[in-house]
Amino acid sequence: MAVKRYPRKVRDEIVARVKAGEKVMDLANQYGMSDRVIYNWLRDDSGDESPSYSKYNKLKKENEQLKWLVGELSLKITRGEKDRDRN
């Protein structure tokens, strides 16, 4: 499958619209392109080494799992201290 190229003017317009608050999915549908294309443009436009959208979602899920684990461990520690106080 050939990679479709978009004019710089279109790219700049879409990036500006996303930064102004429009949704990526809405713009992707409007322009008939993948949302990944737009996310890549946003990453490139940011000028830093931001993670890709899929990497971001993976990190977000990992963060949620770690928060849950910290909560569980905190509960166990708290319960353990209460059990010791009863003795």
PDB file of N, CA and C in Angstrom:
ATOM      1  N   MET A   1       0.843  -1.169   0.000  1.00  0.00           N
ATOM      2  CA  MET A   1       0.000   0.000   0.000  1.00  0.00           C
ATOM      3  C   MET A   1       0.895   1.241   0.000  1.00  0.00           C
ATOM      4  N   ALA A   2       0.592   2.168  -0.862  1.00  0.00           N
ATOM      5  CA  ALA A   2       1.373   3.396  -0.981  1.00  0.00           C
ATOM      6  C   ALA A   2       1.028   4.353   0.157  1.00  0.00           C
ATOM      7  N   VAL A   3       2.030   5.079   0.600  1.00  0.00           N
ATOM      8  CA  VAL A   3       1.832   6.066   1.641  1.00  0.00           C
ATOM      9  C   VAL A   3       1.285   7.342   1.006  1.00  0.00           C
ATOM     10  N   LYS A   4       0.154   7.796   1.514  1.00  0.00           N
ATOM     11  CA  LYS A   4      -0.458   9.006   0.968  1.00  0.00           C
ATOM     12  C   LYS A   4       0.220  10.221   1.583  1.00  0.00           C
ATOM     13  N   ARG A   5       0.589  11.151   0.742  1.00  0.00           N
ATOM     14  CA  ARG A   5       1.237  12.384   1.194  1.00  0.00           C
ATOM     15  C   ARG A   5       0.203  13.500   1.203  1.00  0.00           C
ATOM     16  N   TYR A   6       0.249  14.323   2.212  1.00  0.00           N
ATOM     17  CA  TYR A   6      -0.665  15.453   2.314  1.00  0.00           C
ATOM     18  C   TYR A   6       0.133  16.746   2.188  1.00  0.00           C
ATOM     19  N   PRO A   7      -0.440  17.742   1.541  1.00  0.00           N
ATOM     20  CA  PRO A   7       0.265  19.022   1.413  1.00  0.00           C
ATOM     21  C   PRO A   7       0.553  19.633   2.781  1.00  0.00           C
ATOM     22  N   ARG A   8       1.652  20.321   2.880  1.00  0.00           N
ATOM     23  CA  ARG A   8       2.063  20.952   4.144  1.00  0.00           C
ATOM     24  C   ARG A   8       0.974  21.891   4.669  1.00  0.00           C
ATOM     25  N   LYS A   9       0.297  22.565   3.760  1.00  0.00           N
ATOM     26  CA  LYS A   9      -0.763  23.491   4.142  1.00  0.00           C
ATOM     27  C   LYS A   9      -1.894  22.751   4.876  1.00  0.00           C
ATOM     28  N   VAL A  10      -2.273  21.577   4.380  1.00  0.00           N
ATOM     29  CA  VAL A  10      -3.324  20.771   5.014  1.00  0.00           C
ATOM     30  C   VAL A  10      -2.844  20.285   6.375  1.00  0.00           C
ATOM     31  N   ARG A  11      -1.624  19.821   6.422  1.00  0.00           N
ATOM     32  CA  ARG A  11      -1.042  19.333   7.679  1.00  0.00           C
ATOM     33  C   ARG A  11      -1.052  20.439   8.731  1.00  0.00           C
ATOM     34  N   ASP A  12      -0.576  21.615   8.367  1.00  0.00           N
ATOM     35  CA  ASP A  12      -0.517  22.733   9.305  1.00  0.00           C
ATOM     36  C   ASP A  12      -1.906  23.152   9.768  1.00  0.00           C
ATOM     37  N   GLU A  13      -2.866  23.121   8.852  1.00  0.00           N
ATOM     38  CA  GLU A  13      -4.242  23.484   9.191  1.00  0.00           C
ATOM     39  C   GLU A  13      -4.830  22.505  10.200  1.00  0.00           C
ATOM     40  N   ILE A  14      -4.622  21.215   9.972  1.00  0.00           N
ATOM     41  CA  ILE A  14      -5.166  20.189  10.874  1.00  0.00           C
ATOM     42  C   ILE A  14      -4.508  20.289  12.247  1.00  0.00           C
ATOM     43  N   VAL A  15      -3.209  20.434  12.282  1.00  0.00           N
ATOM     44  CA  VAL A  15      -2.497  20.548  13.568  1.00  0.00           C
ATOM     45  C   VAL A  15      -3.011  21.766  14.333  1.00  0.00           C
ATOM     46  N   ALA A  16      -3.185  22.886  13.653  1.00  0.00           N
ATOM     47  CA  ALA A  16      -3.680  24.099  14.300  1.00  0.00           C
ATOM     48  C   ALA A  16      -5.094  23.889  14.845  1.00  0.00           C
ATOM     49  N   ARG A  17      -5.923  23.183  14.100  1.00  0.00           N
ATOM     50  CA  ARG A  17      -7.292  22.942  14.545  1.00  0.00           C
ATOM     51  C   ARG A  17      -7.339  22.028  15.764  1.00  0.00           C
ATOM     52  N   VAL A  18      -6.454  21.037  15.801  1.00  0.00           N
ATOM     53  CA  VAL A  18      -6.393  20.158  16.980  1.00  0.00           C
ATOM     54  C   VAL A  18      -5.935  20.967  18.188  1.00  0.00           C
ATOM     55  N   LYS A  19      -4.931  21.795  18.002  1.00  0.00           N
ATOM     56  CA  LYS A  19      -4.429  22.613  19.110  1.00  0.00           C
ATOM     57  C   LYS A  19      -5.471  23.619  19.584  1.00  0.00           C
ATOM     58  N   ALA A  20      -6.390  23.988  18.701  1.00  0.00           N
ATOM     59  CA  ALA A  20      -7.468  24.914  19.058  1.00  0.00           C
ATOM     60  C   ALA A  20      -8.614  24.196  19.772  1.00  0.00           C
ATOM     61  N   GLY A  21      -8.537  22.863  19.871  1.00  0.00           N
ATOM     62  CA  GLY A  21      -9.515  22.123  20.645  1.00  0.00           C
ATOM     63  C   GLY A  21     -10.401  21.158  19.872  1.00  0.00           C
ATOM     64  N   GLU A  22     -10.230  21.076  18.559  1.00  0.00           N
ATOM     65  CA  GLU A  22     -11.045  20.130  17.795  1.00  0.00           C
ATOM     66  C   GLU A  22     -10.528  18.702  18.028  1.00  0.00           C
ATOM     67  N   LYS A  23     -11.421  17.750  17.905  1.00  0.00           N
ATOM     68  CA  LYS A  23     -11.070  16.351  18.156  1.00  0.00           C
ATOM     69  C   LYS A  23     -10.367  15.732  16.956  1.00  0.00           C
ATOM     70  N   VAL A  24      -9.337  14.953  17.260  1.00  0.00           N
ATOM     71  CA  VAL A  24      -8.555  14.287  16.225  1.00  0.00           C
ATOM     72  C   VAL A  24      -9.433  13.380  15.367  1.00  0.00           C
ATOM     73  N   MET A  25     -10.295  12.599  16.005  1.00  0.00           N
ATOM     74  CA  MET A  25     -11.133  11.664  15.245  1.00  0.00           C
ATOM     75  C   MET A  25     -12.071  12.396  14.288  1.00  0.00           C
ATOM     76  N   ASP A  26     -12.614  13.514  14.737  1.00  0.00           N
ATOM     77  CA  ASP A  26     -13.506  14.293  13.866  1.00  0.00           C
ATOM     78  C   ASP A  26     -12.756  14.791  12.634  1.00  0.00           C
ATOM     79  N   LEU A  27     -11.548  15.306  12.856  1.00  0.00           N
ATOM     80  CA  LEU A  27     -10.753  15.817  11.736  1.00  0.00           C
ATOM     81  C   LEU A  27     -10.306  14.692  10.813  1.00  0.00           C
ATOM     82  N   ALA A  28      -9.929  13.558  11.394  1.00  0.00           N
ATOM     83  CA  ALA A  28      -9.505  12.417  10.577  1.00  0.00           C
ATOM     84  C   ALA A  28     -10.653  11.981   9.663  1.00  0.00           C
ATOM     85  N   ASN A  29     -11.851  11.918  10.204  1.00  0.00           N
ATOM     86  CA  ASN A  29     -13.018  11.552   9.393  1.00  0.00           C
ATOM     87  C   ASN A  29     -13.310  12.606   8.327  1.00  0.00           C
ATOM     88  N   GLN A  30     -13.208  13.854   8.704  1.00  0.00           N
ATOM     89  CA  GLN A  30     -13.492  14.941   7.775  1.00  0.00           C
ATOM     90  C   GLN A  30     -12.535  14.939   6.590  1.00  0.00           C
ATOM     91  N   TYR A  31     -11.257  14.654   6.864  1.00  0.00           N
ATOM     92  CA  TYR A  31     -10.247  14.682   5.805  1.00  0.00           C
ATOM     93  C   TYR A  31     -10.010  13.308   5.181  1.00  0.00           C
ATOM     94  N   GLY A  32     -10.687  12.288   5.683  1.00  0.00           N
ATOM     95  CA  GLY A  32     -10.541  10.958   5.125  1.00  0.00           C
ATOM     96  C   GLY A  32      -9.169  10.350   5.342  1.00  0.00           C
ATOM     97  N   MET A  33      -8.678  10.495   6.560  1.00  0.00           N
ATOM     98  CA  MET A  33      -7.347   9.963   6.889  1.00  0.00           C
ATOM     99  C   MET A  33      -7.385   9.246   8.222  1.00  0.00           C
ATOM    100  N   SER A  34      -6.329   8.537   8.496  1.00  0.00           N
ATOM    101  CA  SER A  34      -6.188   7.837   9.760  1.00  0.00           C
ATOM    102  C   SER A  34      -5.873   8.832  10.876  1.00  0.00           C
ATOM    103  N   ASP A  35      -6.417   8.571  12.056  1.00  0.00           N
ATOM    104  CA  ASP A  35      -6.087   9.417  13.197  1.00  0.00           C
ATOM    105  C   ASP A  35      -4.607   9.306  13.563  1.00  0.00           C
ATOM    106  N   ARG A  36      -4.004   8.173  13.243  1.00  0.00           N
ATOM    107  CA  ARG A  36      -2.569   7.989  13.530  1.00  0.00           C
ATOM    108  C   ARG A  36      -1.709   9.000  12.776  1.00  0.00           C
ATOM    109  N   VAL A  37      -2.127   9.338  11.572  1.00  0.00           N
ATOM    110  CA  VAL A  37      -1.389  10.335  10.791  1.00  0.00           C
ATOM    111  C   VAL A  37      -1.366  11.653  11.561  1.00  0.00           C
ATOM    112  N   ILE A  38      -2.521  12.040  12.064  1.00  0.00           N
ATOM    113  CA  ILE A  38      -2.612  13.307  12.794  1.00  0.00           C
ATOM    114  C   ILE A  38      -1.809  13.242  14.090  1.00  0.00           C
ATOM    115  N   TYR A  39      -1.909  12.132  14.811  1.00  0.00           N
ATOM    116  CA  TYR A  39      -1.134  12.005  16.049  1.00  0.00           C
ATOM    117  C   TYR A  39       0.373  12.070  15.757  1.00  0.00           C
ATOM    118  N   ASN A  40       0.798  11.476  14.664  1.00  0.00           N
ATOM    119  CA  ASN A  40       2.215  11.571  14.290  1.00  0.00           C
ATOM    120  C   ASN A  40       2.601  13.008  13.992  1.00  0.00           C
ATOM    121  N   TRP A  41       1.738  13.744  13.286  1.00  0.00           N
ATOM    122  CA  TRP A  41       2.015  15.155  13.005  1.00  0.00           C
ATOM    123  C   TRP A  41       2.120  15.961  14.296  1.00  0.00           C
ATOM    124  N   LEU A  42       1.230  15.675  15.234  1.00  0.00           N
ATOM    125  CA  LEU A  42       1.260  16.390  16.511  1.00  0.00           C
ATOM    126  C   LEU A  42       2.558  16.101  17.263  1.00  0.00           C
ATOM    127  N   ARG A  43       2.976  14.846  17.236  1.00  0.00           N
ATOM    128  CA  ARG A  43       4.227  14.482  17.902  1.00  0.00           C
ATOM    129  C   ARG A  43       5.400  15.183  17.236  1.00  0.00           C
ATOM    130  N   ASP A  44       5.418  15.165  15.909  1.00  0.00           N
ATOM    131  CA  ASP A  44       6.503  15.818  15.176  1.00  0.00           C
ATOM    132  C   ASP A  44       6.505  17.317  15.424  1.00  0.00           C
ATOM    133  N   ASP A  45       5.316  17.903  15.516  1.00  0.00           N
ATOM    134  CA  ASP A  45       5.180  19.346  15.697  1.00  0.00           C
ATOM    135  C   ASP A  45       5.592  19.796  17.097  1.00  0.00           C
ATOM    136  N   SER A  46       5.525  18.884  18.066  1.00  0.00           N
ATOM    137  CA  SER A  46       5.827  19.260  19.444  1.00  0.00           C
ATOM    138  C   SER A  46       7.305  19.552  19.654  1.00  0.00           C
ATOM    139  N   GLY A  47       8.144  19.009  18.792  1.00  0.00           N
ATOM    140  CA  GLY A  47       9.577  19.286  18.897  1.00  0.00           C
ATOM    141  C   GLY A  47      10.292  18.506  19.975  1.00  0.00           C
ATOM    142  N   ASP A  48       9.585  17.643  20.672  1.00  0.00           N
ATOM    143  CA  ASP A  48      10.267  16.834  21.681  1.00  0.00           C
ATOM    144  C   ASP A  48      10.066  15.359  21.378  1.00  0.00           C
ATOM    145  N   GLU A  49      10.555  14.533  22.239  1.00  0.00           N
ATOM    146  CA  GLU A  49      10.482  13.089  22.030  1.00  0.00           C
ATOM    147  C   GLU A  49       9.271  12.513  22.747  1.00  0.00           C
ATOM    148  N   SER A  50       8.111  13.053  22.483  1.00  0.00           N
ATOM    149  CA  SER A  50       6.879  12.556  23.100  1.00  0.00           C
ATOM    150  C   SER A  50       6.608  11.134  22.633  1.00  0.00           C
ATOM    151  N   PRO A  51       5.997  10.350  23.509  1.00  0.00           N
ATOM    152  CA  PRO A  51       5.673   8.979  23.093  1.00  0.00           C
ATOM    153  C   PRO A  51       4.560   8.967  22.047  1.00  0.00           C
ATOM    154  N   SER A  52       4.528   7.933  21.268  1.00  0.00           N
ATOM    155  CA  SER A  52       3.450   7.767  20.297  1.00  0.00           C
ATOM    156  C   SER A  52       2.139   7.550  21.052  1.00  0.00           C
ATOM    157  N   TYR A  53       1.048   7.631  20.332  1.00  0.00           N
ATOM    158  CA  TYR A  53      -0.272   7.457  20.940  1.00  0.00           C
ATOM    159  C   TYR A  53      -0.398   6.079  21.587  1.00  0.00           C
ATOM    160  N   SER A  54       0.079   5.047  20.913  1.00  0.00           N
ATOM    161  CA  SER A  54      -0.018   3.700  21.476  1.00  0.00           C
ATOM    162  C   SER A  54       0.876   3.553  22.705  1.00  0.00           C
ATOM    163  N   LYS A  55       2.046   4.166  22.664  1.00  0.00           N
ATOM    164  CA  LYS A  55       2.953   4.142  23.818  1.00  0.00           C
ATOM    165  C   LYS A  55       2.324   4.897  24.991  1.00  0.00           C
ATOM    166  N   TYR A  56       1.672   6.023  24.689  1.00  0.00           N
ATOM    167  CA  TYR A  56       0.991   6.798  25.716  1.00  0.00           C
ATOM    168  C   TYR A  56      -0.086   5.949  26.397  1.00  0.00           C
ATOM    169  N   ASN A  57      -0.903   5.255  25.598  1.00  0.00           N
ATOM    170  CA  ASN A  57      -1.954   4.414  26.174  1.00  0.00           C
ATOM    171  C   ASN A  57      -1.378   3.287  27.012  1.00  0.00           C
ATOM    172  N   LYS A  58      -0.275   2.714  26.560  1.00  0.00           N
ATOM    173  CA  LYS A  58       0.381   1.644  27.320  1.00  0.00           C
ATOM    174  C   LYS A  58       0.884   2.185  28.663  1.00  0.00           C
ATOM    175  N   LEU A  59       1.505   3.360  28.642  1.00  0.00           N
ATOM    176  CA  LEU A  59       2.010   3.974  29.869  1.00  0.00           C
ATOM    177  C   LEU A  59       0.867   4.357  30.807  1.00  0.00           C
ATOM    178  N   LYS A  60      -0.231   4.830  30.241  1.00  0.00           N
ATOM    179  CA  LYS A  60      -1.393   5.200  31.042  1.00  0.00           C
ATOM    180  C   LYS A  60      -1.956   3.970  31.757  1.00  0.00           C
ATOM    181  N   LYS A  61      -2.076   2.861  31.040  1.00  0.00           N
ATOM    182  CA  LYS A  61      -2.584   1.622  31.633  1.00  0.00           C
ATOM    183  C   LYS A  61      -1.633   1.128  32.736  1.00  0.00           C
ATOM    184  N   GLU A  62      -0.340   1.187  32.461  1.00  0.00           N
ATOM    185  CA  GLU A  62       0.646   0.757  33.452  1.00  0.00           C
ATOM    186  C   GLU A  62       0.547   1.627  34.705  1.00  0.00           C
ATOM    187  N   ASN A  63       0.368   2.921  34.511  1.00  0.00           N
ATOM    188  CA  ASN A  63       0.231   3.841  35.635  1.00  0.00           C
ATOM    189  C   ASN A  63      -0.984   3.495  36.485  1.00  0.00           C
ATOM    190  N   GLU A  64      -2.103   3.191  35.836  1.00  0.00           N
ATOM    191  CA  GLU A  64      -3.312   2.809  36.560  1.00  0.00           C
ATOM    192  C   GLU A  64      -3.089   1.528  37.360  1.00  0.00           C
ATOM    193  N   GLN A  65      -2.399   0.569  36.763  1.00  0.00           N
ATOM    194  CA  GLN A  65      -2.114  -0.685  37.459  1.00  0.00           C
ATOM    195  C   GLN A  65      -1.222  -0.448  38.669  1.00  0.00           C
ATOM    196  N   LEU A  66      -0.244   0.431  38.525  1.00  0.00           N
ATOM    197  CA  LEU A  66       0.659   0.727  39.645  1.00  0.00           C
ATOM    198  C   LEU A  66      -0.081   1.444  40.772  1.00  0.00           C
ATOM    199  N   LYS A  67      -0.978   2.352  40.426  1.00  0.00           N
ATOM    200  CA  LYS A  67      -1.772   3.035  41.450  1.00  0.00           C
ATOM    201  C   LYS A  67      -2.619   2.029  42.215  1.00  0.00           C
ATOM    202  N   TRP A  68      -3.224   1.081  41.482  1.00  0.00           N
ATOM    203  CA  TRP A  68      -4.031   0.058  42.130  1.00  0.00           C
ATOM    204  C   TRP A  68      -3.170  -0.767  43.089  1.00  0.00           C
ATOM    205  N   LEU A  69      -1.988  -1.149  42.627  1.00  0.00           N
ATOM    206  CA  LEU A  69      -1.088  -1.964  43.444  1.00  0.00           C
ATOM    207  C   LEU A  69      -0.662  -1.215  44.705  1.00  0.00           C
ATOM    208  N   VAL A  70      -0.340   0.059  44.568  1.00  0.00           N
ATOM    209  CA  VAL A  70       0.038   0.861  45.736  1.00  0.00           C
ATOM    210  C   VAL A  70      -1.128   0.918  46.723  1.00  0.00           C
ATOM    211  N   GLY A  71      -2.333   1.074  46.205  1.00  0.00           N
ATOM    212  CA  GLY A  71      -3.506   1.084  47.080  1.00  0.00           C
ATOM    213  C   GLY A  71      -3.674  -0.230  47.826  1.00  0.00           C
ATOM    214  N   GLU A  72      -3.527  -1.328  47.112  1.00  0.00           N
ATOM    215  CA  GLU A  72      -3.649  -2.650  47.740  1.00  0.00           C
ATOM    216  C   GLU A  72      -2.583  -2.849  48.817  1.00  0.00           C
ATOM    217  N   LEU A  73      -1.359  -2.475  48.508  1.00  0.00           N
ATOM    218  CA  LEU A  73      -0.271  -2.630  49.481  1.00  0.00           C
ATOM    219  C   LEU A  73      -0.481  -1.726  50.689  1.00  0.00           C
ATOM    220  N   SER A  74      -0.988  -0.523  50.449  1.00  0.00           N
ATOM    221  CA  SER A  74      -1.274   0.393  51.556  1.00  0.00           C
ATOM    222  C   SER A  74      -2.325  -0.179  52.481  1.00  0.00           C
ATOM    223  N   LEU A  75      -3.362  -0.789  51.896  1.00  0.00           N
ATOM    224  CA  LEU A  75      -4.399  -1.426  52.706  1.00  0.00           C
ATOM    225  C   LEU A  75      -3.830  -2.560  53.550  1.00  0.00           C
ATOM    226  N   LYS A  76      -2.995  -3.382  52.936  1.00  0.00           N
ATOM    227  CA  LYS A  76      -2.404  -4.505  53.678  1.00  0.00           C
ATOM    228  C   LYS A  76      -1.539  -4.007  54.829  1.00  0.00           C
ATOM    229  N   ILE A  77      -0.778  -2.971  54.579  1.00  0.00           N
ATOM    230  CA  ILE A  77       0.086  -2.422  55.633  1.00  0.00           C
ATOM    231  C   ILE A  77      -0.771  -1.857  56.756  1.00  0.00           C
ATOM    232  N   THR A  78      -1.819  -1.108  56.381  1.00  0.00           N
ATOM    233  CA  THR A  78      -2.708  -0.520  57.381  1.00  0.00           C
ATOM    234  C   THR A  78      -3.397  -1.605  58.196  1.00  0.00           C
ATOM    235  N   ARG A  79      -3.881  -2.625  57.546  1.00  0.00           N
ATOM    236  CA  ARG A  79      -4.534  -3.735  58.251  1.00  0.00           C
ATOM    237  C   ARG A  79      -3.550  -4.454  59.155  1.00  0.00           C
ATOM    238  N   GLY A  80      -2.331  -4.627  58.701  1.00  0.00           N
ATOM    239  CA  GLY A  80      -1.307  -5.281  59.508  1.00  0.00           C
ATOM    240  C   GLY A  80      -1.003  -4.485  60.759  1.00  0.00           C
ATOM    241  N   GLU A  81      -0.946  -3.157  60.646  1.00  0.00           N
ATOM    242  CA  GLU A  81      -0.681  -2.313  61.810  1.00  0.00           C
ATOM    243  C   GLU A  81      -1.851  -2.380  62.783  1.00  0.00           C
ATOM    244  N   LYS A  82      -3.071  -2.414  62.287  1.00  0.00           N
ATOM    245  CA  LYS A  82      -4.244  -2.502  63.157  1.00  0.00           C
ATOM    246  C   LYS A  82      -4.264  -3.829  63.891  1.00  0.00           C
ATOM    247  N   ASP A  83      -3.892  -4.919  63.191  1.00  0.00           N
ATOM    248  CA  ASP A  83      -3.852  -6.237  63.827  1.00  0.00           C
ATOM    249  C   ASP A  83      -2.824  -6.269  64.944  1.00  0.00           C
ATOM    250  N   ARG A  84      -1.681  -5.616  64.729  1.00  0.00           N
ATOM    251  CA  ARG A  84      -0.632  -5.583  65.756  1.00  0.00           C
ATOM    252  C   ARG A  84      -1.071  -4.755  66.962  1.00  0.00           C
ATOM    253  N   ASP A  85      -1.827  -3.675  66.722  1.00  0.00           N
ATOM    254  CA  ASP A  85      -2.290  -2.819  67.801  1.00  0.00           C
ATOM    255  C   ASP A  85      -3.283  -3.549  68.715  1.00  0.00           C
ATOM    256  N   ARG A  86      -4.037  -4.512  68.139  1.00  0.00           N
ATOM    257  CA  ARG A  86      -5.026  -5.272  68.920  1.00  0.00           C
ATOM    258  C   ARG A  86      -4.366  -6.245  69.892  1.00  0.00           C
ATOM    259  N   ASN A  87      -3.144  -6.682  69.604  1.00  0.00           N
ATOM    260  CA  ASN A  87      -2.454  -7.686  70.439  1.00  0.00           C
ATOM    261  C   ASN A  87      -1.794  -7.074  71.621  1.00  0.00           C
TER     262      ASN A  87
END
